[in-house]
Amino acid sequence: MQGPFRGVAGSLARAFGGTVTLHYGTPQARDVSAVFRRVPRRVDGLNGAEIETLVPVLRASRPELADLAEGDLVDPKDGRIYRFLFLEESPSPASDALVTAQLEDVQ
C-alpha cells in the first residue's frame, strides 16, 4: 500500500518549506528540505494556569531528521538559530513519513 505514496513527504517539504541547514555540533553542516513553523501549543504557566505560546517546529521526512541529536543546531534561514530538543514520531509506518522536530530558541 505504501508504493504509490513513496516520496510524498519529501515533495510536501519541498513544496511548502524551504532549505534548512542542520549543524551537528561539528563544523559539518547539511542542507535539507523541510517546513519550519511556529505552532501554537498550550503550556503550564505561572500559578498552574495554561497559556498558549508559539513553539518552533521543523517537519521533514523521517530519513532527513533521523541523525539529529539533542542540542544540534537548526538554521531555517529566518535570522535565528534553534536547538533541537526531540523528535515526535509520526503514526505513519512509511519509511519516509513526515516527522516533527521540537526546537527551542538559542539565546
N, C-alpha and C. Protein backbone atom coordinates (compact mmCIF):
# COMPACT_ATOMS: atom_id res chain seq x y z
N MET A 1 0.81 -1.20 0.00
CA MET A 1 0.00 0.00 0.00
C MET A 1 0.86 1.26 0.00
N GLN A 2 2.06 1.17 0.49
CA GLN A 2 2.92 2.33 0.59
C GLN A 2 3.46 2.77 -0.77
N GLY A 3 3.55 1.89 -1.73
CA GLY A 3 4.15 2.17 -3.02
C GLY A 3 3.73 3.46 -3.70
N PRO A 4 2.44 3.71 -3.88
CA PRO A 4 2.04 4.93 -4.59
C PRO A 4 2.34 6.21 -3.82
N PHE A 5 2.55 6.11 -2.50
CA PHE A 5 2.77 7.30 -1.68
C PHE A 5 4.23 7.55 -1.36
N ARG A 6 5.11 6.67 -1.80
CA ARG A 6 6.54 6.84 -1.52
C ARG A 6 7.03 8.16 -2.12
N GLY A 7 7.72 8.93 -1.32
CA GLY A 7 8.26 10.20 -1.79
C GLY A 7 7.35 11.39 -1.58
N VAL A 8 6.12 11.17 -1.11
CA VAL A 8 5.18 12.26 -0.92
C VAL A 8 5.66 13.21 0.17
N ALA A 9 6.21 12.69 1.27
CA ALA A 9 6.66 13.55 2.38
C ALA A 9 7.74 14.51 1.91
N GLY A 10 8.70 14.02 1.15
CA GLY A 10 9.75 14.89 0.62
C GLY A 10 9.19 15.94 -0.32
N SER A 11 8.22 15.56 -1.13
CA SER A 11 7.60 16.51 -2.05
C SER A 11 6.85 17.60 -1.29
N LEU A 12 6.16 17.22 -0.22
CA LEU A 12 5.45 18.21 0.59
C LEU A 12 6.43 19.17 1.25
N ALA A 13 7.53 18.65 1.76
CA ALA A 13 8.53 19.50 2.41
C ALA A 13 9.13 20.50 1.41
N ARG A 14 9.37 20.04 0.19
CA ARG A 14 9.91 20.95 -0.83
C ARG A 14 8.87 21.99 -1.26
N ALA A 15 7.61 21.57 -1.38
CA ALA A 15 6.56 22.47 -1.86
C ALA A 15 6.18 23.53 -0.83
N PHE A 16 6.09 23.14 0.44
CA PHE A 16 5.61 24.06 1.47
C PHE A 16 6.72 24.59 2.37
N GLY A 17 7.91 24.10 2.20
CA GLY A 17 9.02 24.51 3.05
C GLY A 17 10.12 25.19 2.28
N GLY A 18 11.31 24.94 2.72
CA GLY A 18 12.48 25.53 2.09
C GLY A 18 13.73 24.81 2.55
N THR A 19 14.86 25.40 2.26
CA THR A 19 16.13 24.80 2.66
C THR A 19 16.46 25.20 4.09
N VAL A 20 16.76 24.20 4.89
CA VAL A 20 17.11 24.38 6.30
C VAL A 20 18.49 23.75 6.49
N THR A 21 19.37 24.42 7.22
CA THR A 21 20.70 23.88 7.48
C THR A 21 20.74 23.25 8.87
N LEU A 22 21.20 22.00 8.93
CA LEU A 22 21.35 21.28 10.20
C LEU A 22 22.82 21.24 10.57
N HIS A 23 23.15 21.67 11.79
CA HIS A 23 24.53 21.65 12.30
C HIS A 23 24.59 20.59 13.40
N TYR A 24 25.53 19.67 13.27
CA TYR A 24 25.59 18.53 14.17
C TYR A 24 26.61 18.68 15.28
N GLY A 25 26.87 19.88 15.76
CA GLY A 25 27.86 20.06 16.82
C GLY A 25 29.28 19.94 16.31
N THR A 26 29.46 19.89 15.02
CA THR A 26 30.77 19.82 14.40
C THR A 26 30.79 20.88 13.30
N PRO A 27 31.93 21.14 12.69
CA PRO A 27 31.96 22.10 11.59
C PRO A 27 31.12 21.67 10.38
N GLN A 28 30.77 20.40 10.32
CA GLN A 28 29.99 19.91 9.18
C GLN A 28 28.53 20.33 9.33
N ALA A 29 27.93 20.69 8.24
CA ALA A 29 26.51 21.04 8.22
C ALA A 29 25.90 20.41 6.97
N ARG A 30 24.58 20.26 7.01
CA ARG A 30 23.88 19.64 5.88
C ARG A 30 22.59 20.39 5.62
N ASP A 31 22.29 20.65 4.36
CA ASP A 31 21.04 21.29 3.97
C ASP A 31 19.99 20.23 3.67
N VAL A 32 18.77 20.46 4.16
CA VAL A 32 17.65 19.56 3.90
C VAL A 32 16.44 20.40 3.50
N SER A 33 15.49 19.77 2.84
CA SER A 33 14.21 20.41 2.55
C SER A 33 13.27 20.11 3.70
N ALA A 34 12.74 21.16 4.33
CA ALA A 34 11.88 20.96 5.49
C ALA A 34 10.93 22.15 5.63
N VAL A 35 9.91 21.95 6.43
CA VAL A 35 8.93 23.00 6.71
C VAL A 35 9.18 23.50 8.13
N PHE A 36 9.55 24.77 8.27
CA PHE A 36 9.76 25.37 9.59
C PHE A 36 8.55 26.25 9.90
N ARG A 37 8.01 26.08 11.09
CA ARG A 37 6.86 26.88 11.52
C ARG A 37 6.96 27.14 13.02
N ARG A 38 6.24 28.14 13.45
CA ARG A 38 5.98 28.37 14.87
C ARG A 38 4.51 28.00 15.06
N VAL A 39 4.26 26.95 15.84
CA VAL A 39 2.89 26.46 16.01
C VAL A 39 2.40 26.76 17.42
N PRO A 40 1.10 27.01 17.58
CA PRO A 40 0.57 27.27 18.92
C PRO A 40 0.53 26.00 19.75
N ARG A 41 0.96 26.11 21.00
CA ARG A 41 0.91 25.00 21.96
C ARG A 41 0.47 25.53 23.31
N ARG A 42 -0.24 24.73 24.06
CA ARG A 42 -0.63 25.08 25.42
C ARG A 42 0.42 24.54 26.38
N VAL A 43 0.89 25.40 27.27
CA VAL A 43 1.89 25.01 28.27
C VAL A 43 1.44 25.51 29.63
N ASP A 44 1.97 24.89 30.68
CA ASP A 44 1.65 25.34 32.03
C ASP A 44 2.39 26.63 32.32
N GLY A 45 1.65 27.63 32.77
CA GLY A 45 2.22 28.92 33.11
C GLY A 45 2.31 29.06 34.62
N LEU A 46 2.51 30.28 35.06
CA LEU A 46 2.56 30.56 36.49
C LEU A 46 1.22 30.27 37.14
N ASN A 47 1.27 29.88 38.40
CA ASN A 47 0.06 29.59 39.18
C ASN A 47 -0.78 28.47 38.59
N GLY A 48 -0.18 27.60 37.77
CA GLY A 48 -0.89 26.45 37.22
C GLY A 48 -1.83 26.77 36.07
N ALA A 49 -1.87 28.00 35.64
CA ALA A 49 -2.74 28.37 34.53
C ALA A 49 -2.10 27.96 33.21
N GLU A 50 -2.92 27.51 32.28
CA GLU A 50 -2.42 27.18 30.95
C GLU A 50 -2.36 28.43 30.10
N ILE A 51 -1.28 28.55 29.35
CA ILE A 51 -1.17 29.67 28.41
C ILE A 51 -0.85 29.10 27.04
N GLU A 52 -1.18 29.86 26.03
CA GLU A 52 -0.86 29.44 24.67
C GLU A 52 0.36 30.22 24.20
N THR A 53 1.31 29.51 23.65
CA THR A 53 2.54 30.13 23.16
C THR A 53 2.87 29.56 21.79
N LEU A 54 3.78 30.19 21.09
CA LEU A 54 4.22 29.69 19.79
C LEU A 54 5.53 28.94 19.97
N VAL A 55 5.58 27.71 19.49
CA VAL A 55 6.73 26.84 19.64
C VAL A 55 7.33 26.56 18.25
N PRO A 56 8.65 26.71 18.09
CA PRO A 56 9.26 26.41 16.79
C PRO A 56 9.34 24.90 16.55
N VAL A 57 8.91 24.47 15.36
CA VAL A 57 8.99 23.07 14.97
C VAL A 57 9.51 22.97 13.54
N LEU A 58 10.07 21.83 13.24
CA LEU A 58 10.59 21.54 11.91
C LEU A 58 9.97 20.23 11.45
N ARG A 59 9.39 20.21 10.25
CA ARG A 59 8.80 18.98 9.71
C ARG A 59 9.53 18.59 8.45
N ALA A 60 9.94 17.34 8.39
CA ALA A 60 10.65 16.80 7.23
C ALA A 60 10.44 15.30 7.20
N SER A 61 10.90 14.67 6.14
CA SER A 61 10.77 13.21 6.06
C SER A 61 11.69 12.57 7.10
N ARG A 62 11.27 11.42 7.58
CA ARG A 62 11.99 10.70 8.64
C ARG A 62 13.48 10.55 8.35
N PRO A 63 13.90 10.15 7.14
CA PRO A 63 15.34 9.99 6.89
C PRO A 63 16.13 11.30 7.00
N GLU A 64 15.51 12.43 6.68
CA GLU A 64 16.20 13.72 6.73
C GLU A 64 16.57 14.11 8.16
N LEU A 65 15.74 13.74 9.14
CA LEU A 65 15.96 14.15 10.52
C LEU A 65 16.44 13.02 11.41
N ALA A 66 16.65 11.84 10.87
CA ALA A 66 16.97 10.66 11.67
C ALA A 66 18.27 10.80 12.47
N ASP A 67 19.25 11.53 11.97
CA ASP A 67 20.53 11.59 12.66
C ASP A 67 20.69 12.82 13.57
N LEU A 68 19.62 13.58 13.80
CA LEU A 68 19.69 14.70 14.74
C LEU A 68 19.79 14.20 16.17
N ALA A 69 20.60 14.87 16.97
CA ALA A 69 20.74 14.53 18.39
C ALA A 69 20.41 15.76 19.21
N GLU A 70 19.98 15.55 20.44
CA GLU A 70 19.63 16.67 21.30
C GLU A 70 20.77 17.68 21.37
N GLY A 71 20.44 18.94 21.16
CA GLY A 71 21.43 20.01 21.21
C GLY A 71 21.96 20.43 19.85
N ASP A 72 21.72 19.64 18.80
CA ASP A 72 22.16 20.03 17.46
C ASP A 72 21.44 21.32 17.07
N LEU A 73 22.07 22.11 16.21
CA LEU A 73 21.53 23.40 15.84
C LEU A 73 20.84 23.36 14.49
N VAL A 74 19.77 24.16 14.36
CA VAL A 74 18.97 24.21 13.15
C VAL A 74 18.87 25.67 12.70
N ASP A 75 19.21 25.92 11.44
CA ASP A 75 19.13 27.26 10.87
C ASP A 75 18.12 27.27 9.73
N PRO A 76 16.88 27.75 9.99
CA PRO A 76 15.86 27.77 8.94
C PRO A 76 15.92 29.01 8.06
N LYS A 77 16.98 29.77 8.18
CA LYS A 77 17.19 30.97 7.36
C LYS A 77 16.17 32.07 7.66
N ASP A 78 15.74 32.18 8.93
CA ASP A 78 14.83 33.26 9.32
C ASP A 78 15.53 34.29 10.20
N GLY A 79 16.86 34.22 10.25
CA GLY A 79 17.64 35.15 11.06
C GLY A 79 17.86 34.69 12.48
N ARG A 80 17.36 33.51 12.85
CA ARG A 80 17.54 32.97 14.19
C ARG A 80 18.07 31.56 14.10
N ILE A 81 18.66 31.09 15.18
CA ILE A 81 19.17 29.72 15.28
C ILE A 81 18.37 29.02 16.38
N TYR A 82 18.07 27.74 16.15
CA TYR A 82 17.29 26.95 17.09
C TYR A 82 18.05 25.70 17.49
N ARG A 83 17.76 25.20 18.68
CA ARG A 83 18.37 23.96 19.19
C ARG A 83 17.33 22.86 19.11
N PHE A 84 17.78 21.69 18.61
CA PHE A 84 16.91 20.51 18.51
C PHE A 84 16.72 19.91 19.90
N LEU A 85 15.45 19.63 20.26
CA LEU A 85 15.14 19.02 21.54
C LEU A 85 14.83 17.53 21.40
N PHE A 86 13.80 17.22 20.63
CA PHE A 86 13.41 15.81 20.44
C PHE A 86 12.56 15.68 19.20
N LEU A 87 12.39 14.45 18.76
CA LEU A 87 11.63 14.13 17.56
C LEU A 87 10.30 13.51 17.95
N GLU A 88 9.22 14.02 17.40
CA GLU A 88 7.90 13.41 17.58
C GLU A 88 7.69 12.45 16.43
N GLU A 89 7.52 11.21 16.72
CA GLU A 89 7.33 10.23 15.66
C GLU A 89 5.95 10.38 15.04
N SER A 90 5.87 10.04 13.80
CA SER A 90 4.62 10.07 13.06
C SER A 90 3.89 8.74 13.27
N PRO A 91 2.57 8.76 13.29
CA PRO A 91 1.84 7.49 13.37
C PRO A 91 1.94 6.68 12.07
N SER A 92 2.43 7.32 11.02
CA SER A 92 2.56 6.63 9.73
C SER A 92 3.72 5.65 9.77
N PRO A 93 3.53 4.44 9.30
CA PRO A 93 4.62 3.47 9.26
C PRO A 93 5.55 3.65 8.06
N ALA A 94 5.24 4.58 7.18
CA ALA A 94 6.05 4.76 5.98
C ALA A 94 7.48 5.15 6.35
N SER A 95 8.43 4.61 5.63
CA SER A 95 9.84 4.89 5.93
C SER A 95 10.19 6.35 5.69
N ASP A 96 9.43 7.04 4.85
CA ASP A 96 9.72 8.45 4.55
C ASP A 96 8.62 9.39 5.06
N ALA A 97 7.89 8.98 6.09
CA ALA A 97 6.80 9.79 6.62
C ALA A 97 7.32 11.11 7.18
N LEU A 98 6.45 12.12 7.21
CA LEU A 98 6.82 13.40 7.82
C LEU A 98 6.88 13.23 9.33
N VAL A 99 7.95 13.71 9.94
CA VAL A 99 8.09 13.71 11.39
C VAL A 99 8.31 15.15 11.83
N THR A 100 8.06 15.42 13.10
CA THR A 100 8.17 16.77 13.63
C THR A 100 9.28 16.84 14.65
N ALA A 101 10.20 17.78 14.46
CA ALA A 101 11.29 18.03 15.41
C ALA A 101 10.91 19.22 16.27
N GLN A 102 10.93 19.04 17.59
CA GLN A 102 10.67 20.13 18.52
C GLN A 102 11.97 20.92 18.69
N LEU A 103 11.86 22.23 18.62
CA LEU A 103 13.04 23.10 18.71
C LEU A 103 12.85 24.12 19.82
N GLU A 104 13.95 24.79 20.19
CA GLU A 104 13.87 25.92 21.10
C GLU A 104 14.82 27.00 20.61
N ASP A 105 14.48 28.26 20.90
CA ASP A 105 15.34 29.37 20.51
C ASP A 105 16.68 29.26 21.24
N VAL A 106 17.77 29.57 20.54
CA VAL A 106 19.07 29.64 21.17
C VAL A 106 19.24 31.07 21.66
N GLN A 107 19.52 31.23 22.92
CA GLN A 107 19.66 32.59 23.49
C GLN A 107 21.07 33.07 23.39
